[in-house]
Amino acid sequence: MDISITWNYSISMSIEAFQSVNVPVSHLSVLMDIVFVFCLVSPQQEQPQMKQPLNLLVGSLVGCNTALHVCTLLFVVSDFIYSPSNVNSIIFYDVAAEILLFTMRTSVTSSLWLNVFYYCQIVPAQLSFFIWLKKNIRLFIYAALVLDKFFFLFTFIVYVWHYIEIDLSQPKTFALSYTVIINFWSRLVYFLFSLCVMLTSSCATVLYLRRHMKNMKESSRSSPHLHSQMRVTITGIIQTLLYFLCSVWLVICDSAFELTNSYFDADRYVLCTVITLYSFGTNINLGVGQSIFRERIVLLWQKACEMVPALLH
């Protein structure tokens, strides 16, 4: 991958490397999402049905990832029509980048509240707040998802407006500049809050399951749900790591622009690649962590293996 770092604190990636990574990964991820949607829409009869709000969280995550990879391919296409001398192509390029960021941020919020949901389902509540949260988890997650979407939609509108002013060489209004700064610090606080919530919920779940396994071993008992709980907890930790790495890069890019008024990743190739790989890792996590996907994929693979010899003969 042809990436170079210069002394003016900028990073670049060749268009060939950008396309060779993002195009195949996005196509593969879209195929995975199609399988996930099929599993959600047409589950097997012997499989237990996903209940709310789990169904909404997983469906939202799959939908956001699908939109994200479609936006990635759109961003690749925008490169072919981009011209530094054409204002319309510059605006289209910037809007495509902001749509990509919007879908990534909404995908992250679904992962965040999925972690919280599993924490409430696995770990017994003791404090009054967590008792209330467990009783009202469905309403809480619905409200959180709606508020998240509005917050990031506001971010999208602000930055599209901001880039249009820059591209059209219009003087920056005080209100817009002030709004961009407030939005930047708000997203930074939200990133730290989300990271703390994901780390806390995942670590608390691991500690509880570790004590639970130790107690079961001493009493010679077994639990049919323990392996599935461990699986979703491990995938939750991996998702937290993916979120951390992707969000740190977003914070670095935003900080460079807001604090130094310079583009750290001017063509956004590296940013797009980081987001694409994050979403691809999220899809793998979903396939491993959710039994409705894992069992169906294994079954489809077995049927495919049985069909190949028949087709050859």
C-alpha atoms as a PDB file:
ATOM      1  CA  MET A   1       0.000   0.000   0.000  1.00  0.00           C
ATOM      2  CA  ASP A   2       1.606   3.225  -1.169  1.00  0.00           C
ATOM      3  CA  ILE A   3       1.292   5.533   1.825  1.00  0.00           C
ATOM      4  CA  SER A   4       3.678   8.415   2.539  1.00  0.00           C
ATOM      5  CA  ILE A   5       3.918  10.815   5.457  1.00  0.00           C
ATOM      6  CA  THR A   6       5.464  14.240   4.953  1.00  0.00           C
ATOM      7  CA  TRP A   7       6.801  16.777   7.404  1.00  0.00           C
ATOM      8  CA  ASN A   8       3.798  19.066   7.042  1.00  0.00           C
ATOM      9  CA  TYR A   9       1.723  16.554   8.982  1.00  0.00           C
ATOM     10  CA  SER A  10      -0.155  15.188   5.994  1.00  0.00           C
ATOM     11  CA  ILE A  11      -0.690  11.637   4.798  1.00  0.00           C
ATOM     12  CA  SER A  12      -1.512  10.390   1.338  1.00  0.00           C
ATOM     13  CA  MET A  13      -2.440   7.150  -0.386  1.00  0.00           C
ATOM     14  CA  SER A  14      -2.216   6.374  -4.078  1.00  0.00           C
ATOM     15  CA  ILE A  15      -5.472   5.995  -5.966  1.00  0.00           C
ATOM     16  CA  GLU A  16      -4.389   2.527  -7.131  1.00  0.00           C
ATOM     17  CA  ALA A  17      -3.894   1.330  -3.545  1.00  0.00           C
ATOM     18  CA  PHE A  18      -7.160   2.979  -2.500  1.00  0.00           C
ATOM     19  CA  GLN A  19      -9.179   1.245  -5.209  1.00  0.00           C
ATOM     20  CA  SER A  20      -7.448  -2.137  -4.834  1.00  0.00           C
ATOM     21  CA  VAL A  21      -8.431  -2.280  -1.143  1.00  0.00           C
ATOM     22  CA  ASN A  22     -11.825  -0.581  -1.007  1.00  0.00           C
ATOM     23  CA  VAL A  23     -13.526  -1.948  -4.132  1.00  0.00           C
ATOM     24  CA  PRO A  24     -13.115  -5.706  -3.408  1.00  0.00           C
ATOM     25  CA  VAL A  25     -13.682  -5.320   0.339  1.00  0.00           C
ATOM     26  CA  SER A  26     -16.850  -3.280  -0.234  1.00  0.00           C
ATOM     27  CA  HIS A  27     -18.224  -5.778  -2.765  1.00  0.00           C
ATOM     28  CA  LEU A  28     -17.518  -8.693  -0.410  1.00  0.00           C
ATOM     29  CA  SER A  29     -19.126  -6.832   2.496  1.00  0.00           C
ATOM     30  CA  VAL A  30     -22.247  -6.029   0.465  1.00  0.00           C
ATOM     31  CA  LEU A  31     -22.594  -9.743  -0.384  1.00  0.00           C
ATOM     32  CA  MET A  32     -22.276 -10.561   3.325  1.00  0.00           C
ATOM     33  CA  ASP A  33     -24.929  -7.967   4.149  1.00  0.00           C
ATOM     34  CA  ILE A  34     -27.277  -9.470   1.552  1.00  0.00           C
ATOM     35  CA  VAL A  35     -26.906 -12.833   3.311  1.00  0.00           C
ATOM     36  CA  PHE A  36     -27.520 -11.165   6.683  1.00  0.00           C
ATOM     37  CA  VAL A  37     -30.669  -9.458   5.399  1.00  0.00           C
ATOM     38  CA  PHE A  38     -31.887 -12.795   4.019  1.00  0.00           C
ATOM     39  CA  CYS A  39     -31.306 -14.416   7.425  1.00  0.00           C
ATOM     40  CA  LEU A  40     -33.232 -11.633   9.176  1.00  0.00           C
ATOM     41  CA  VAL A  41     -36.133 -11.602   6.742  1.00  0.00           C
ATOM     42  CA  SER A  42     -36.407 -15.378   6.346  1.00  0.00           C
ATOM     43  CA  PRO A  43     -35.146 -17.094   9.532  1.00  0.00           C
ATOM     44  CA  GLN A  44     -35.221 -20.883   9.871  1.00  0.00           C
ATOM     45  CA  GLN A  45     -38.282 -22.275  11.612  1.00  0.00           C
ATOM     46  CA  GLU A  46     -36.280 -24.168  14.226  1.00  0.00           C
ATOM     47  CA  GLN A  47     -34.268 -21.059  15.142  1.00  0.00           C
ATOM     48  CA  PRO A  48     -35.518 -18.850  17.998  1.00  0.00           C
ATOM     49  CA  GLN A  49     -36.825 -15.498  16.757  1.00  0.00           C
ATOM     50  CA  MET A  50     -34.808 -12.401  17.604  1.00  0.00           C
ATOM     51  CA  LYS A  51     -36.804 -10.166  19.936  1.00  0.00           C
ATOM     52  CA  GLN A  52     -36.801  -6.390  20.204  1.00  0.00           C
ATOM     53  CA  PRO A  53     -34.660  -4.402  20.687  1.00  0.00           C
ATOM     54  CA  LEU A  54     -32.029  -6.957  19.548  1.00  0.00           C
ATOM     55  CA  ASN A  55     -33.708  -7.295  16.156  1.00  0.00           C
ATOM     56  CA  LEU A  56     -33.654  -3.521  15.681  1.00  0.00           C
ATOM     57  CA  LEU A  57     -30.009  -3.193  16.771  1.00  0.00           C
ATOM     58  CA  VAL A  58     -28.730  -5.984  14.529  1.00  0.00           C
ATOM     59  CA  GLY A  59     -30.930  -4.837  11.631  1.00  0.00           C
ATOM     60  CA  SER A  60     -29.723  -1.262  12.073  1.00  0.00           C
ATOM     61  CA  LEU A  61     -26.108  -2.416  12.110  1.00  0.00           C
ATOM     62  CA  VAL A  62     -26.565  -4.479   8.941  1.00  0.00           C
ATOM     63  CA  GLY A  63     -28.408  -1.625   7.218  1.00  0.00           C
ATOM     64  CA  CYS A  64     -25.770   0.941   8.175  1.00  0.00           C
ATOM     65  CA  ASN A  65     -22.937  -1.323   6.997  1.00  0.00           C
ATOM     66  CA  THR A  66     -24.682  -1.918   3.669  1.00  0.00           C
ATOM     67  CA  ALA A  67     -25.179   1.818   3.178  1.00  0.00           C
ATOM     68  CA  LEU A  68     -21.581   2.447   4.210  1.00  0.00           C
ATOM     69  CA  HIS A  69     -20.124   0.156   1.554  1.00  0.00           C
ATOM     70  CA  VAL A  70     -22.467   1.504  -1.113  1.00  0.00           C
ATOM     71  CA  CYS A  71     -21.241   4.981  -0.134  1.00  0.00           C
ATOM     72  CA  THR A  72     -17.642   3.740  -0.374  1.00  0.00           C
ATOM     73  CA  LEU A  73     -18.247   2.606  -3.952  1.00  0.00           C
ATOM     74  CA  LEU A  74     -19.961   5.950  -4.622  1.00  0.00           C
ATOM     75  CA  PHE A  75     -16.890   7.700  -3.209  1.00  0.00           C
ATOM     76  CA  VAL A  76     -14.686   5.675  -5.587  1.00  0.00           C
ATOM     77  CA  VAL A  77     -16.916   6.692  -8.509  1.00  0.00           C
ATOM     78  CA  SER A  78     -16.725  10.349  -7.442  1.00  0.00           C
ATOM     79  CA  ASP A  79     -12.978  10.186  -8.059  1.00  0.00           C
ATOM     80  CA  PHE A  80     -13.550   9.697 -11.785  1.00  0.00           C
ATOM     81  CA  ILE A  81     -15.610  12.871 -12.083  1.00  0.00           C
ATOM     82  CA  TYR A  82     -13.530  14.947  -9.643  1.00  0.00           C
ATOM     83  CA  SER A  83     -11.869  18.014 -11.104  1.00  0.00           C
ATOM     84  CA  PRO A  84     -10.109  20.712  -9.031  1.00  0.00           C
ATOM     85  CA  SER A  85     -11.335  23.331 -11.517  1.00  0.00           C
ATOM     86  CA  ASN A  86     -14.995  22.244 -11.352  1.00  0.00           C
ATOM     87  CA  VAL A  87     -16.814  23.519  -8.270  1.00  0.00           C
ATOM     88  CA  ASN A  88     -19.722  21.100  -8.684  1.00  0.00           C
ATOM     89  CA  SER A  89     -17.434  18.067  -8.752  1.00  0.00           C
ATOM     90  CA  ILE A  90     -15.624  19.323  -5.627  1.00  0.00           C
ATOM     91  CA  ILE A  91     -18.945  19.757  -3.792  1.00  0.00           C
ATOM     92  CA  PHE A  92     -20.087  16.280  -4.903  1.00  0.00           C
ATOM     93  CA  TYR A  93     -16.787  14.826  -3.640  1.00  0.00           C
ATOM     94  CA  ASP A  94     -17.122  16.516  -0.233  1.00  0.00           C
ATOM     95  CA  VAL A  95     -20.789  15.519   0.131  1.00  0.00           C
ATOM     96  CA  ALA A  96     -19.933  11.894  -0.737  1.00  0.00           C
ATOM     97  CA  ALA A  97     -17.258  11.935   1.974  1.00  0.00           C
ATOM     98  CA  GLU A  98     -19.701  13.335   4.546  1.00  0.00           C
ATOM     99  CA  ILE A  99     -22.337  10.717   3.651  1.00  0.00           C
ATOM    100  CA  LEU A 100     -19.677   8.060   4.245  1.00  0.00           C
ATOM    101  CA  LEU A 101     -18.860   9.551   7.650  1.00  0.00           C
ATOM    102  CA  PHE A 102     -22.545   9.809   8.575  1.00  0.00           C
ATOM    103  CA  THR A 103     -23.183   6.130   7.831  1.00  0.00           C
ATOM    104  CA  MET A 104     -20.065   5.128   9.754  1.00  0.00           C
ATOM    105  CA  ARG A 105     -21.093   7.130  12.824  1.00  0.00           C
ATOM    106  CA  THR A 106     -24.615   5.690  12.827  1.00  0.00           C
ATOM    107  CA  SER A 107     -23.136   2.186  12.487  1.00  0.00           C
ATOM    108  CA  VAL A 108     -20.969   2.830  15.541  1.00  0.00           C
ATOM    109  CA  THR A 109     -23.959   3.853  17.678  1.00  0.00           C
ATOM    110  CA  SER A 110     -25.716   0.566  16.886  1.00  0.00           C
ATOM    111  CA  SER A 111     -22.600  -1.322  18.046  1.00  0.00           C
ATOM    112  CA  LEU A 112     -22.455   0.783  21.208  1.00  0.00           C
ATOM    113  CA  TRP A 113     -26.025   0.065  22.279  1.00  0.00           C
ATOM    114  CA  LEU A 114     -25.700  -3.592  21.262  1.00  0.00           C
ATOM    115  CA  ASN A 115     -22.910  -3.875  23.840  1.00  0.00           C
ATOM    116  CA  VAL A 116     -25.114  -2.205  26.441  1.00  0.00           C
ATOM    117  CA  PHE A 117     -28.023  -4.523  25.592  1.00  0.00           C
ATOM    118  CA  TYR A 118     -25.937  -7.672  26.083  1.00  0.00           C
ATOM    119  CA  TYR A 119     -24.542  -6.297  29.336  1.00  0.00           C
ATOM    120  CA  CYS A 120     -28.085  -5.798  30.655  1.00  0.00           C
ATOM    121  CA  GLN A 121     -29.098  -9.284  29.492  1.00  0.00           C
ATOM    122  CA  ILE A 122     -26.117 -11.135  30.982  1.00  0.00           C
ATOM    123  CA  VAL A 123     -25.035  -9.286  34.131  1.00  0.00           C
ATOM    124  CA  PRO A 124     -27.540  -9.197  37.038  1.00  0.00           C
ATOM    125  CA  ALA A 125     -28.482  -5.635  38.000  1.00  0.00           C
ATOM    126  CA  GLN A 126     -27.708  -4.534  41.572  1.00  0.00           C
ATOM    127  CA  LEU A 127     -27.652  -0.747  41.587  1.00  0.00           C
ATOM    128  CA  SER A 128     -30.963   1.090  41.229  1.00  0.00           C
ATOM    129  CA  PHE A 129     -29.945   2.743  37.949  1.00  0.00           C
ATOM    130  CA  PHE A 130     -29.078  -0.571  36.298  1.00  0.00           C
ATOM    131  CA  ILE A 131     -32.280  -2.152  37.645  1.00  0.00           C
ATOM    132  CA  TRP A 132     -34.241   0.671  36.015  1.00  0.00           C
ATOM    133  CA  LEU A 133     -32.172   0.348  32.809  1.00  0.00           C
ATOM    134  CA  LYS A 134     -32.794  -3.384  32.580  1.00  0.00           C
ATOM    135  CA  LYS A 135     -36.550  -2.920  33.019  1.00  0.00           C
ATOM    136  CA  ASN A 136     -36.692  -0.140  30.424  1.00  0.00           C
ATOM    137  CA  ILE A 137     -33.952  -1.314  28.062  1.00  0.00           C
ATOM    138  CA  ARG A 138     -36.223  -1.340  24.999  1.00  0.00           C
ATOM    139  CA  LEU A 139     -37.439   2.243  25.460  1.00  0.00           C
ATOM    140  CA  PHE A 140     -33.920   3.400  26.380  1.00  0.00           C
ATOM    141  CA  ILE A 141     -32.344   1.940  23.230  1.00  0.00           C
ATOM    142  CA  TYR A 142     -35.119   3.287  20.983  1.00  0.00           C
ATOM    143  CA  ALA A 143     -34.596   6.783  22.403  1.00  0.00           C
ATOM    144  CA  ALA A 144     -30.792   6.515  22.211  1.00  0.00           C
ATOM    145  CA  LEU A 145     -30.846   5.430  18.555  1.00  0.00           C
ATOM    146  CA  VAL A 146     -33.184   8.271  17.580  1.00  0.00           C
ATOM    147  CA  LEU A 147     -31.111  10.893  19.424  1.00  0.00           C
ATOM    148  CA  ASP A 148     -27.880   9.540  17.924  1.00  0.00           C
ATOM    149  CA  LYS A 149     -29.281   9.728  14.411  1.00  0.00           C
ATOM    150  CA  PHE A 150     -30.457  13.325  14.898  1.00  0.00           C
ATOM    151  CA  PHE A 151     -27.094  14.358  16.367  1.00  0.00           C
ATOM    152  CA  PHE A 152     -25.095  12.909  13.467  1.00  0.00           C
ATOM    153  CA  LEU A 153     -27.610  14.195  10.916  1.00  0.00           C
ATOM    154  CA  PHE A 154     -27.043  17.674  12.357  1.00  0.00           C
ATOM    155  CA  THR A 155     -23.284  17.073  12.031  1.00  0.00           C
ATOM    156  CA  PHE A 156     -23.745  16.049   8.399  1.00  0.00           C
ATOM    157  CA  ILE A 157     -25.772  19.185   7.574  1.00  0.00           C
ATOM    158  CA  VAL A 158     -23.311  21.499   9.338  1.00  0.00           C
ATOM    159  CA  TYR A 159     -20.253  20.098   7.557  1.00  0.00           C
ATOM    160  CA  VAL A 160     -21.895  19.975   4.129  1.00  0.00           C
ATOM    161  CA  TRP A 161     -22.837  23.632   4.579  1.00  0.00           C
ATOM    162  CA  HIS A 162     -19.299  24.350   5.816  1.00  0.00           C
ATOM    163  CA  TYR A 163     -17.613  22.696   2.799  1.00  0.00           C
ATOM    164  CA  ILE A 164     -19.971  24.372   0.341  1.00  0.00           C
ATOM    165  CA  GLU A 165     -18.946  27.765   1.736  1.00  0.00           C
ATOM    166  CA  ILE A 166     -15.271  26.795   1.376  1.00  0.00           C
ATOM    167  CA  ASP A 167     -15.709  25.388  -2.154  1.00  0.00           C
ATOM    168  CA  LEU A 168     -17.628  28.469  -3.303  1.00  0.00           C
ATOM    169  CA  SER A 169     -14.989  30.724  -1.678  1.00  0.00           C
ATOM    170  CA  GLN A 170     -17.636  32.458   0.380  1.00  0.00           C
ATOM    171  CA  PRO A 171     -16.635  34.284   3.593  1.00  0.00           C
ATOM    172  CA  LYS A 172     -17.203  32.132   6.656  1.00  0.00           C
ATOM    173  CA  THR A 173     -20.092  33.275   8.799  1.00  0.00           C
ATOM    174  CA  PHE A 174     -19.462  33.558  12.527  1.00  0.00           C
ATOM    175  CA  ALA A 175     -22.492  31.419  13.364  1.00  0.00           C
ATOM    176  CA  LEU A 176     -21.361  28.546  11.131  1.00  0.00           C
ATOM    177  CA  SER A 177     -17.746  28.675  12.347  1.00  0.00           C
ATOM    178  CA  TYR A 178     -18.919  28.661  15.948  1.00  0.00           C
ATOM    179  CA  THR A 179     -21.324  25.778  15.237  1.00  0.00           C
ATOM    180  CA  VAL A 180     -18.552  23.713  13.608  1.00  0.00           C
ATOM    181  CA  ILE A 181     -16.288  24.198  16.643  1.00  0.00           C
ATOM    182  CA  ILE A 182     -19.037  23.244  19.110  1.00  0.00           C
ATOM    183  CA  ASN A 183     -19.938  20.215  16.994  1.00  0.00           C
ATOM    184  CA  PHE A 184     -16.307  19.085  16.892  1.00  0.00           C
ATOM    185  CA  TRP A 185     -15.914  19.186  20.678  1.00  0.00           C
ATOM    186  CA  SER A 186     -19.326  17.562  21.139  1.00  0.00           C
ATOM    187  CA  ARG A 187     -18.284  14.637  18.911  1.00  0.00           C
ATOM    188  CA  LEU A 188     -15.005  14.332  20.791  1.00  0.00           C
ATOM    189  CA  VAL A 189     -16.881  14.091  24.099  1.00  0.00           C
ATOM    190  CA  TYR A 190     -19.286  11.589  22.553  1.00  0.00           C
ATOM    191  CA  PHE A 191     -16.364   9.478  21.322  1.00  0.00           C
ATOM    192  CA  LEU A 192     -14.819   9.354  24.809  1.00  0.00           C
ATOM    193  CA  PHE A 193     -18.216   8.606  26.367  1.00  0.00           C
ATOM    194  CA  SER A 194     -18.934   5.809  23.873  1.00  0.00           C
ATOM    195  CA  LEU A 195     -15.497   4.284  24.363  1.00  0.00           C
ATOM    196  CA  CYS A 196     -15.895   4.309  28.147  1.00  0.00           C
ATOM    197  CA  VAL A 197     -19.371   2.745  27.939  1.00  0.00           C
ATOM    198  CA  MET A 198     -18.235   0.006  25.553  1.00  0.00           C
ATOM    199  CA  LEU A 199     -15.115  -0.797  27.593  1.00  0.00           C
ATOM    200  CA  THR A 200     -16.983  -0.747  30.894  1.00  0.00           C
ATOM    201  CA  SER A 201     -19.865  -2.926  29.703  1.00  0.00           C
ATOM    202  CA  SER A 202     -17.552  -5.446  28.003  1.00  0.00           C
ATOM    203  CA  CYS A 203     -15.138  -5.691  30.949  1.00  0.00           C
ATOM    204  CA  ALA A 204     -17.984  -5.972  33.478  1.00  0.00           C
ATOM    205  CA  THR A 205     -19.550  -8.763  31.419  1.00  0.00           C
ATOM    206  CA  VAL A 206     -16.226 -10.634  31.176  1.00  0.00           C
ATOM    207  CA  LEU A 207     -15.645 -10.382  34.939  1.00  0.00           C
ATOM    208  CA  TYR A 208     -19.158 -11.608  35.683  1.00  0.00           C
ATOM    209  CA  LEU A 209     -18.883 -14.567  33.292  1.00  0.00           C
ATOM    210  CA  ARG A 210     -15.483 -15.451  34.727  1.00  0.00           C
ATOM    211  CA  ARG A 211     -16.919 -15.597  38.261  1.00  0.00           C
ATOM    212  CA  HIS A 212     -19.970 -17.454  36.959  1.00  0.00           C
ATOM    213  CA  MET A 213     -17.823 -20.078  35.230  1.00  0.00           C
ATOM    214  CA  LYS A 214     -15.732 -20.532  38.382  1.00  0.00           C
ATOM    215  CA  ASN A 215     -18.851 -21.041  40.517  1.00  0.00           C
ATOM    216  CA  MET A 216     -20.303 -23.525  38.035  1.00  0.00           C
ATOM    217  CA  LYS A 217     -17.055 -25.459  37.942  1.00  0.00           C
ATOM    218  CA  GLU A 218     -16.993 -25.724  41.729  1.00  0.00           C
ATOM    219  CA  SER A 219     -20.626 -26.871  41.837  1.00  0.00           C
ATOM    220  CA  SER A 220     -20.214 -29.212  38.819  1.00  0.00           C
ATOM    221  CA  ARG A 221     -23.087 -27.530  36.965  1.00  0.00           C
ATOM    222  CA  SER A 222     -23.346 -26.507  33.323  1.00  0.00           C
ATOM    223  CA  SER A 223     -25.219 -23.781  31.466  1.00  0.00           C
ATOM    224  CA  PRO A 224     -26.368 -24.099  27.832  1.00  0.00           C
ATOM    225  CA  HIS A 225     -26.260 -20.318  27.405  1.00  0.00           C
ATOM    226  CA  LEU A 226     -22.732 -19.804  28.740  1.00  0.00           C
ATOM    227  CA  HIS A 227     -20.924 -20.406  25.431  1.00  0.00           C
ATOM    228  CA  SER A 228     -23.200 -18.040  23.513  1.00  0.00           C
ATOM    229  CA  GLN A 229     -22.775 -15.396  26.220  1.00  0.00           C
ATOM    230  CA  MET A 230     -19.003 -15.748  26.044  1.00  0.00           C
ATOM    231  CA  ARG A 231     -19.126 -15.506  22.256  1.00  0.00           C
ATOM    232  CA  VAL A 232     -21.122 -12.274  22.151  1.00  0.00           C
ATOM    233  CA  THR A 233     -18.925 -10.828  24.916  1.00  0.00           C
ATOM    234  CA  ILE A 234     -15.704 -11.593  23.021  1.00  0.00           C
ATOM    235  CA  THR A 235     -17.125 -10.142  19.797  1.00  0.00           C
ATOM    236  CA  GLY A 236     -18.182  -7.094  21.830  1.00  0.00           C
ATOM    237  CA  ILE A 237     -14.587  -6.590  22.998  1.00  0.00           C
ATOM    238  CA  ILE A 238     -13.312  -6.953  19.431  1.00  0.00           C
ATOM    239  CA  GLN A 239     -15.936  -4.444  18.280  1.00  0.00           C
ATOM    240  CA  THR A 240     -14.749  -2.013  20.957  1.00  0.00           C
ATOM    241  CA  LEU A 241     -11.182  -2.326  19.647  1.00  0.00           C
ATOM    242  CA  LEU A 242     -12.351  -1.739  16.065  1.00  0.00           C
ATOM    243  CA  TYR A 243     -14.348   1.290  17.202  1.00  0.00           C
ATOM    244  CA  PHE A 244     -11.363   2.675  19.105  1.00  0.00           C
ATOM    245  CA  LEU A 245      -8.960   2.381  16.150  1.00  0.00           C
ATOM    246  CA  CYS A 246     -11.420   3.854  13.646  1.00  0.00           C
ATOM    247  CA  SER A 247     -12.571   6.690  15.914  1.00  0.00           C
ATOM    248  CA  VAL A 248      -9.015   7.650  16.858  1.00  0.00           C
ATOM    249  CA  TRP A 249      -8.274   8.157  13.186  1.00  0.00           C
ATOM    250  CA  LEU A 250     -11.415  10.267  12.796  1.00  0.00           C
ATOM    251  CA  VAL A 251     -10.424  12.379  15.801  1.00  0.00           C
ATOM    252  CA  ILE A 252      -6.907  12.891  14.379  1.00  0.00           C
ATOM    253  CA  CYS A 253      -8.290  14.031  11.009  1.00  0.00           C
ATOM    254  CA  ASP A 254     -10.902  16.304  12.615  1.00  0.00           C
ATOM    255  CA  SER A 255      -8.386  17.751  15.072  1.00  0.00           C
ATOM    256  CA  ALA A 256      -5.876  18.529  12.324  1.00  0.00           C
ATOM    257  CA  PHE A 257      -8.536  20.398  10.360  1.00  0.00           C
ATOM    258  CA  GLU A 258     -10.179  22.214  13.270  1.00  0.00           C
ATOM    259  CA  LEU A 259      -7.059  23.130  15.251  1.00  0.00           C
ATOM    260  CA  THR A 260      -4.535  23.779  12.444  1.00  0.00           C
ATOM    261  CA  ASN A 261      -6.961  24.537   9.580  1.00  0.00           C
ATOM    262  CA  SER A 262      -5.085  22.017   7.396  1.00  0.00           C
ATOM    263  CA  TYR A 263      -6.089  18.750   5.768  1.00  0.00           C
ATOM    264  CA  PHE A 264      -4.299  15.817   7.378  1.00  0.00           C
ATOM    265  CA  ASP A 265      -5.794  13.457   4.781  1.00  0.00           C
ATOM    266  CA  ALA A 266      -6.711  15.793   1.934  1.00  0.00           C
ATOM    267  CA  ASP A 267      -8.090  13.263  -0.566  1.00  0.00           C
ATOM    268  CA  ARG A 268      -9.672  11.195   2.276  1.00  0.00           C
ATOM    269  CA  TYR A 269      -8.383   7.936   0.784  1.00  0.00           C
ATOM    270  CA  VAL A 270      -6.862   6.734   4.050  1.00  0.00           C
ATOM    271  CA  LEU A 271      -9.959   7.780   6.000  1.00  0.00           C
ATOM    272  CA  CYS A 272     -12.244   5.891   3.611  1.00  0.00           C
ATOM    273  CA  THR A 273     -10.009   2.806   3.792  1.00  0.00           C
ATOM    274  CA  VAL A 274     -10.019   2.834   7.605  1.00  0.00           C
ATOM    275  CA  ILE A 275     -13.825   3.096   7.652  1.00  0.00           C
ATOM    276  CA  THR A 276     -14.198   0.320   5.056  1.00  0.00           C
ATOM    277  CA  LEU A 277     -11.957  -2.045   7.028  1.00  0.00           C
ATOM    278  CA  TYR A 278     -13.820  -1.158  10.234  1.00  0.00           C
ATOM    279  CA  SER A 279     -17.154  -2.037   8.639  1.00  0.00           C
ATOM    280  CA  PHE A 280     -15.751  -5.261   7.157  1.00  0.00           C
ATOM    281  CA  GLY A 281     -14.501  -6.276  10.618  1.00  0.00           C
ATOM    282  CA  THR A 282     -17.947  -5.449  12.017  1.00  0.00           C
ATOM    283  CA  ASN A 283     -19.552  -7.763   9.456  1.00  0.00           C
ATOM    284  CA  ILE A 284     -17.224 -10.609  10.412  1.00  0.00           C
ATOM    285  CA  ASN A 285     -18.055  -9.970  14.061  1.00  0.00           C
ATOM    286  CA  LEU A 286     -21.775 -10.152  13.273  1.00  0.00           C
ATOM    287  CA  GLY A 287     -21.336 -13.403  11.378  1.00  0.00           C
ATOM    288  CA  VAL A 288     -19.463 -14.983  14.293  1.00  0.00           C
ATOM    289  CA  GLY A 289     -21.396 -13.475  17.201  1.00  0.00           C
ATOM    290  CA  GLN A 290     -25.006 -13.816  16.033  1.00  0.00           C
ATOM    291  CA  SER A 291     -26.282 -17.387  15.897  1.00  0.00           C
ATOM    292  CA  ILE A 292     -28.995 -16.478  13.366  1.00  0.00           C
ATOM    293  CA  PHE A 293     -26.205 -15.613  10.885  1.00  0.00           C
ATOM    294  CA  ARG A 294     -23.596 -18.181  11.907  1.00  0.00           C
ATOM    295  CA  GLU A 295     -25.857 -21.236  11.753  1.00  0.00           C
ATOM    296  CA  ARG A 296     -27.523 -20.165   8.507  1.00  0.00           C
ATOM    297  CA  ILE A 297     -24.175 -19.474   6.802  1.00  0.00           C
ATOM    298  CA  VAL A 298     -22.893 -22.930   7.828  1.00  0.00           C
ATOM    299  CA  LEU A 299     -26.075 -24.514   6.455  1.00  0.00           C
ATOM    300  CA  LEU A 300     -25.821 -22.611   3.156  1.00  0.00           C
ATOM    301  CA  TRP A 301     -22.161 -23.617   2.854  1.00  0.00           C
ATOM    302  CA  GLN A 302     -23.028 -27.287   3.416  1.00  0.00           C
ATOM    303  CA  LYS A 303     -25.752 -27.139   0.749  1.00  0.00           C
ATOM    304  CA  ALA A 304     -23.345 -25.458  -1.671  1.00  0.00           C
ATOM    305  CA  CYS A 305     -20.748 -28.190  -1.073  1.00  0.00           C
ATOM    306  CA  GLU A 306     -23.399 -30.832  -1.753  1.00  0.00           C
ATOM    307  CA  MET A 307     -24.480 -29.138  -4.988  1.00  0.00           C
ATOM    308  CA  VAL A 308     -20.982 -28.830  -6.479  1.00  0.00           C
ATOM    309  CA  PRO A 309     -20.420 -32.598  -7.082  1.00  0.00           C
ATOM    310  CA  ALA A 310     -23.919 -32.887  -8.549  1.00  0.00           C
ATOM    311  CA  LEU A 311     -23.265 -30.032 -10.990  1.00  0.00           C
ATOM    312  CA  LEU A 312     -19.908 -31.517 -12.028  1.00  0.00           C
ATOM    313  CA  HIS A 313     -21.570 -34.815 -12.929  1.00  0.00           C
END
